[in-house]
């Protein structure tokens, strides 16, 4: 019982530091915790959440063709991110949606007509049906904020052509994030 009470005290203290945005102190508490309870998977997850290189798209709005597309990217700890943009075949996508609707299905399958599902299907179902194979790649050197704080930047991409693109951001020694850019 005393062991459980001690473990809960560590968890609460780490949570207090996280809530106060004192990430370095929270990381120290999780490290101490893991010295005593090394098998705790949640503690490992919490520590990785603070210390690992991480990035995600913060915003990505429709943009006019002819100028470099821009988007906001939020990151923590990492010093490099690689981007890959894959062109989406809009004509085939729209043709398939139109064909499905013209078939007059008795019950509409929203997954087949909702464009918001496009990126999810490509990533989670490995459905590359609408990707053309045309790609653009670029990378950025990042300057992370101190003490594991998030930083937000605006990225200017080399994408000027009209259309839709699946953009994948891969943090060096970190995670991947995806977005559809129209």
C-alpha atoms as a PDB file:
ATOM      1  CA  UNK A   1       0.000   0.000   0.000  1.00  0.00           C
ATOM      2  CA  UNK A   2       2.849   2.336   0.855  1.00  0.00           C
ATOM      3  CA  UNK A   3       4.490   1.591  -2.533  1.00  0.00           C
ATOM      4  CA  UNK A   4       1.252   2.519  -4.319  1.00  0.00           C
ATOM      5  CA  UNK A   5       0.972   5.706  -2.281  1.00  0.00           C
ATOM      6  CA  UNK A   6       4.546   6.666  -3.174  1.00  0.00           C
ATOM      7  CA  UNK A   7       3.907   5.951  -6.864  1.00  0.00           C
ATOM      8  CA  UNK A   8       0.772   8.110  -6.796  1.00  0.00           C
ATOM      9  CA  UNK A   9       2.693  10.943  -5.158  1.00  0.00           C
ATOM     10  CA  UNK A  10       5.243  10.861  -7.993  1.00  0.00           C
ATOM     11  CA  UNK A  11       2.460  10.836 -10.609  1.00  0.00           C
ATOM     12  CA  UNK A  12       0.692  13.758  -8.965  1.00  0.00           C
ATOM     13  CA  UNK A  13       3.883  15.790  -8.689  1.00  0.00           C
ATOM     14  CA  UNK A  14       4.769  15.136 -12.342  1.00  0.00           C
ATOM     15  CA  UNK A  15       1.232  16.142 -13.355  1.00  0.00           C
ATOM     16  CA  UNK A  16       1.457  19.361 -11.343  1.00  0.00           C
ATOM     17  CA  UNK A  17       4.708  20.271 -13.117  1.00  0.00           C
ATOM     18  CA  UNK A  18       3.167  19.441 -16.510  1.00  0.00           C
ATOM     19  CA  UNK A  19       0.110  21.583 -15.771  1.00  0.00           C
ATOM     20  CA  UNK A  20       2.402  24.457 -14.819  1.00  0.00           C
ATOM     21  CA  UNK A  21       4.372  23.933 -18.038  1.00  0.00           C
ATOM     22  CA  UNK A  22       7.524  23.078 -16.111  1.00  0.00           C
ATOM     23  CA  UNK A  23       8.434  20.262 -18.495  1.00  0.00           C
ATOM     24  CA  UNK A  24      12.055  19.755 -17.399  1.00  0.00           C
ATOM     25  CA  UNK A  25      10.971  19.277 -13.783  1.00  0.00           C
ATOM     26  CA  UNK A  26       8.206  16.889 -14.854  1.00  0.00           C
ATOM     27  CA  UNK A  27      10.736  14.880 -16.888  1.00  0.00           C
ATOM     28  CA  UNK A  28      13.026  14.647 -13.838  1.00  0.00           C
ATOM     29  CA  UNK A  29      10.155  13.312 -11.725  1.00  0.00           C
ATOM     30  CA  UNK A  30       9.255  10.705 -14.374  1.00  0.00           C
ATOM     31  CA  UNK A  31      12.902   9.610 -14.534  1.00  0.00           C
ATOM     32  CA  UNK A  32      12.997   9.163 -10.741  1.00  0.00           C
ATOM     33  CA  UNK A  33       9.699   7.299 -10.921  1.00  0.00           C
ATOM     34  CA  UNK A  34      11.072   4.926 -13.564  1.00  0.00           C
ATOM     35  CA  UNK A  35      14.128   4.133 -11.439  1.00  0.00           C
ATOM     36  CA  UNK A  36      11.748   2.763  -8.805  1.00  0.00           C
ATOM     37  CA  UNK A  37       9.046   1.336 -11.098  1.00  0.00           C
ATOM     38  CA  UNK A  38      10.768   0.606 -14.455  1.00  0.00           C
ATOM     39  CA  UNK A  39       7.925  -1.526 -15.831  1.00  0.00           C
ATOM     40  CA  UNK A  40       5.331   1.278 -15.780  1.00  0.00           C
ATOM     41  CA  UNK A  41       4.419   1.762 -19.452  1.00  0.00           C
ATOM     42  CA  UNK A  42       2.422   4.920 -18.825  1.00  0.00           C
ATOM     43  CA  UNK A  43       5.396   6.599 -17.149  1.00  0.00           C
ATOM     44  CA  UNK A  44       7.595   5.721 -20.131  1.00  0.00           C
ATOM     45  CA  UNK A  45       4.934   7.214 -22.417  1.00  0.00           C
ATOM     46  CA  UNK A  46       4.704  10.392 -20.347  1.00  0.00           C
ATOM     47  CA  UNK A  47       8.486  10.835 -20.379  1.00  0.00           C
ATOM     48  CA  UNK A  48       8.700  10.267 -24.150  1.00  0.00           C
ATOM     49  CA  UNK A  49       5.901  12.813 -24.634  1.00  0.00           C
ATOM     50  CA  UNK A  50       8.125  15.441 -23.016  1.00  0.00           C
ATOM     51  CA  UNK A  51      11.557  14.465 -24.356  1.00  0.00           C
ATOM     52  CA  UNK A  52      11.033  12.988 -27.835  1.00  0.00           C
ATOM     53  CA  UNK A  53      11.217  14.919 -31.084  1.00  0.00           C
ATOM     54  CA  UNK A  54       7.659  15.640 -32.136  1.00  0.00           C
ATOM     55  CA  UNK A  55       5.867  17.619 -34.838  1.00  0.00           C
ATOM     56  CA  UNK A  56       2.398  18.140 -36.302  1.00  0.00           C
ATOM     57  CA  UNK A  57       0.641  20.365 -38.805  1.00  0.00           C
ATOM     58  CA  UNK A  58      -0.985  23.244 -36.961  1.00  0.00           C
ATOM     59  CA  UNK A  59      -3.049  24.678 -39.806  1.00  0.00           C
ATOM     60  CA  UNK A  60      -3.406  24.131 -43.509  1.00  0.00           C
ATOM     61  CA  UNK A  61      -5.947  26.165 -45.451  1.00  0.00           C
ATOM     62  CA  UNK A  62      -6.920  26.115 -49.119  1.00  0.00           C
ATOM     63  CA  UNK A  63      -4.559  28.292 -51.139  1.00  0.00           C
ATOM     64  CA  UNK A  64      -4.350  29.755 -54.632  1.00  0.00           C
ATOM     65  CA  UNK A  65      -2.115  28.125 -57.235  1.00  0.00           C
ATOM     66  CA  UNK A  66       0.908  29.941 -58.619  1.00  0.00           C
ATOM     67  CA  UNK A  67       2.509  30.898 -55.304  1.00  0.00           C
ATOM     68  CA  UNK A  68       4.364  28.732 -52.831  1.00  0.00           C
ATOM     69  CA  UNK A  69       1.859  27.028 -50.539  1.00  0.00           C
ATOM     70  CA  UNK A  70       2.384  27.766 -46.853  1.00  0.00           C
ATOM     71  CA  UNK A  71       1.243  26.019 -43.700  1.00  0.00           C
ATOM     72  CA  UNK A  72       1.894  26.194 -39.977  1.00  0.00           C
ATOM     73  CA  UNK A  73       3.894  23.469 -38.267  1.00  0.00           C
ATOM     74  CA  UNK A  74       4.191  22.934 -34.509  1.00  0.00           C
ATOM     75  CA  UNK A  75       7.161  21.015 -33.085  1.00  0.00           C
ATOM     76  CA  UNK A  76       9.074  20.212 -29.930  1.00  0.00           C
ATOM     77  CA  UNK A  77      12.738  19.262 -29.294  1.00  0.00           C
ATOM     78  CA  UNK A  78      13.663  18.273 -32.881  1.00  0.00           C
ATOM     79  CA  UNK A  79      16.199  20.091 -35.015  1.00  0.00           C
ATOM     80  CA  UNK A  80      15.244  18.750 -38.454  1.00  0.00           C
ATOM     81  CA  UNK A  81      12.064  17.847 -40.301  1.00  0.00           C
ATOM     82  CA  UNK A  82      11.699  16.247 -43.748  1.00  0.00           C
ATOM     83  CA  UNK A  83       8.626  16.940 -45.853  1.00  0.00           C
ATOM     84  CA  UNK A  84       7.252  14.844 -48.692  1.00  0.00           C
ATOM     85  CA  UNK A  85       4.275  15.978 -50.781  1.00  0.00           C
ATOM     86  CA  UNK A  86       2.440  13.476 -52.988  1.00  0.00           C
ATOM     87  CA  UNK A  87       0.019  14.741 -55.624  1.00  0.00           C
ATOM     88  CA  UNK A  88      -3.577  13.511 -55.396  1.00  0.00           C
ATOM     89  CA  UNK A  89      -5.443  12.758 -58.637  1.00  0.00           C
ATOM     90  CA  UNK A  90      -8.465  14.996 -58.108  1.00  0.00           C
ATOM     91  CA  UNK A  91     -10.091  14.117 -61.431  1.00  0.00           C
ATOM     92  CA  UNK A  92     -10.165  10.406 -60.604  1.00  0.00           C
ATOM     93  CA  UNK A  93     -11.323  11.115 -57.063  1.00  0.00           C
ATOM     94  CA  UNK A  94     -14.206  13.317 -58.221  1.00  0.00           C
ATOM     95  CA  UNK A  95     -15.079  10.883 -61.027  1.00  0.00           C
ATOM     96  CA  UNK A  96     -15.334   8.033 -58.523  1.00  0.00           C
ATOM     97  CA  UNK A  97     -17.489  10.051 -56.124  1.00  0.00           C
ATOM     98  CA  UNK A  98     -19.740  11.172 -58.959  1.00  0.00           C
ATOM     99  CA  UNK A  99     -20.023   7.604 -60.284  1.00  0.00           C
ATOM    100  CA  UNK A 100     -20.914   6.332 -56.830  1.00  0.00           C
ATOM    101  CA  UNK A 101     -23.646   8.976 -56.426  1.00  0.00           C
ATOM    102  CA  UNK A 102     -25.005   8.317 -59.928  1.00  0.00           C
ATOM    103  CA  UNK A 103     -25.340   4.613 -59.041  1.00  0.00           C
ATOM    104  CA  UNK A 104     -28.131   5.817 -56.732  1.00  0.00           C
ATOM    105  CA  UNK A 105     -27.198   3.674 -53.728  1.00  0.00           C
ATOM    106  CA  UNK A 106     -30.084   2.787 -51.451  1.00  0.00           C
ATOM    107  CA  UNK A 107     -28.021   3.729 -48.375  1.00  0.00           C
ATOM    108  CA  UNK A 108     -25.293   6.361 -48.772  1.00  0.00           C
ATOM    109  CA  UNK A 109     -21.850   5.317 -47.521  1.00  0.00           C
ATOM    110  CA  UNK A 110     -20.441   8.607 -46.247  1.00  0.00           C
ATOM    111  CA  UNK A 111     -16.923   7.139 -46.258  1.00  0.00           C
ATOM    112  CA  UNK A 112     -17.111   7.051 -50.063  1.00  0.00           C
ATOM    113  CA  UNK A 113     -18.130  10.688 -50.535  1.00  0.00           C
ATOM    114  CA  UNK A 114     -16.550  12.541 -47.597  1.00  0.00           C
ATOM    115  CA  UNK A 115     -13.346  14.240 -48.791  1.00  0.00           C
ATOM    116  CA  UNK A 116     -12.263  14.640 -45.164  1.00  0.00           C
ATOM    117  CA  UNK A 117     -11.733  10.857 -45.062  1.00  0.00           C
ATOM    118  CA  UNK A 118      -9.304  10.914 -47.990  1.00  0.00           C
ATOM    119  CA  UNK A 119      -6.152  11.454 -45.944  1.00  0.00           C
ATOM    120  CA  UNK A 120      -7.289   9.030 -43.249  1.00  0.00           C
ATOM    121  CA  UNK A 121      -7.873   6.290 -45.838  1.00  0.00           C
ATOM    122  CA  UNK A 122      -4.485   6.864 -47.459  1.00  0.00           C
ATOM    123  CA  UNK A 123      -2.643   6.674 -44.133  1.00  0.00           C
ATOM    124  CA  UNK A 124      -4.634   4.184 -42.075  1.00  0.00           C
ATOM    125  CA  UNK A 125      -5.894   1.862 -44.801  1.00  0.00           C
ATOM    126  CA  UNK A 126      -2.812   2.215 -47.016  1.00  0.00           C
ATOM    127  CA  UNK A 127      -5.201   3.182 -49.829  1.00  0.00           C
ATOM    128  CA  UNK A 128      -2.919   4.861 -52.357  1.00  0.00           C
ATOM    129  CA  UNK A 129      -5.563   4.737 -55.111  1.00  0.00           C
ATOM    130  CA  UNK A 130      -5.622   8.487 -55.653  1.00  0.00           C
ATOM    131  CA  UNK A 131      -1.909   9.238 -55.370  1.00  0.00           C
ATOM    132  CA  UNK A 132      -0.301   9.969 -58.744  1.00  0.00           C
ATOM    133  CA  UNK A 133       3.308   9.189 -57.886  1.00  0.00           C
ATOM    134  CA  UNK A 134       4.343  12.822 -58.435  1.00  0.00           C
ATOM    135  CA  UNK A 135       6.263  13.963 -55.367  1.00  0.00           C
ATOM    136  CA  UNK A 136       8.104  16.955 -53.993  1.00  0.00           C
ATOM    137  CA  UNK A 137      10.586  16.690 -51.121  1.00  0.00           C
ATOM    138  CA  UNK A 138      12.263  19.298 -48.945  1.00  0.00           C
ATOM    139  CA  UNK A 139      13.592  19.623 -45.429  1.00  0.00           C
ATOM    140  CA  UNK A 140      14.025  22.289 -42.803  1.00  0.00           C
ATOM    141  CA  UNK A 141      16.482  22.860 -40.012  1.00  0.00           C
ATOM    142  CA  UNK A 142      14.555  23.761 -36.871  1.00  0.00           C
ATOM    143  CA  UNK A 143      15.410  25.802 -33.799  1.00  0.00           C
ATOM    144  CA  UNK A 144      13.495  24.201 -30.940  1.00  0.00           C
ATOM    145  CA  UNK A 145      12.353  26.210 -27.961  1.00  0.00           C
ATOM    146  CA  UNK A 146      14.163  25.638 -24.669  1.00  0.00           C
ATOM    147  CA  UNK A 147      12.888  23.380 -21.909  1.00  0.00           C
ATOM    148  CA  UNK A 148      10.726  21.174 -24.183  1.00  0.00           C
ATOM    149  CA  UNK A 149       8.251  23.891 -25.110  1.00  0.00           C
ATOM    150  CA  UNK A 150       6.383  23.718 -28.405  1.00  0.00           C
ATOM    151  CA  UNK A 151       7.330  26.092 -31.188  1.00  0.00           C
ATOM    152  CA  UNK A 152       5.139  27.066 -34.152  1.00  0.00           C
ATOM    153  CA  UNK A 153       6.519  28.158 -37.527  1.00  0.00           C
ATOM    154  CA  UNK A 154       5.122  28.976 -40.938  1.00  0.00           C
ATOM    155  CA  UNK A 155       6.587  26.737 -43.631  1.00  0.00           C
ATOM    156  CA  UNK A 156       6.849  27.897 -47.235  1.00  0.00           C
ATOM    157  CA  UNK A 157       6.737  24.825 -49.463  1.00  0.00           C
ATOM    158  CA  UNK A 158       7.919  24.456 -53.075  1.00  0.00           C
ATOM    159  CA  UNK A 159       4.331  23.554 -54.083  1.00  0.00           C
ATOM    160  CA  UNK A 160       2.975  25.978 -56.673  1.00  0.00           C
ATOM    161  CA  UNK A 161       0.862  23.734 -58.914  1.00  0.00           C
ATOM    162  CA  UNK A 162      -2.880  23.636 -58.571  1.00  0.00           C
ATOM    163  CA  UNK A 163      -4.382  20.536 -57.001  1.00  0.00           C
ATOM    164  CA  UNK A 164      -4.403  18.519 -53.831  1.00  0.00           C
ATOM    165  CA  UNK A 165      -1.352  17.108 -52.061  1.00  0.00           C
ATOM    166  CA  UNK A 166      -0.807  14.658 -49.222  1.00  0.00           C
ATOM    167  CA  UNK A 167       2.009  16.157 -47.160  1.00  0.00           C
ATOM    168  CA  UNK A 168       3.968  14.015 -44.721  1.00  0.00           C
ATOM    169  CA  UNK A 169       6.282  15.570 -42.143  1.00  0.00           C
ATOM    170  CA  UNK A 170       8.886  13.280 -40.591  1.00  0.00           C
ATOM    171  CA  UNK A 171      10.772  14.587 -37.581  1.00  0.00           C
ATOM    172  CA  UNK A 172      14.388  13.361 -37.416  1.00  0.00           C
ATOM    173  CA  UNK A 173      14.386  10.712 -34.669  1.00  0.00           C
ATOM    174  CA  UNK A 174      10.702  11.450 -34.064  1.00  0.00           C
ATOM    175  CA  UNK A 175       7.167  11.004 -35.297  1.00  0.00           C
ATOM    176  CA  UNK A 176       5.314  11.457 -38.604  1.00  0.00           C
ATOM    177  CA  UNK A 177       2.366  13.723 -39.239  1.00  0.00           C
ATOM    178  CA  UNK A 178       0.128  14.081 -42.320  1.00  0.00           C
ATOM    179  CA  UNK A 179      -2.199  16.643 -43.855  1.00  0.00           C
ATOM    180  CA  UNK A 180      -4.040  17.194 -47.144  1.00  0.00           C
ATOM    181  CA  UNK A 181      -3.249  20.545 -48.767  1.00  0.00           C
ATOM    182  CA  UNK A 182      -5.703  21.839 -51.403  1.00  0.00           C
END
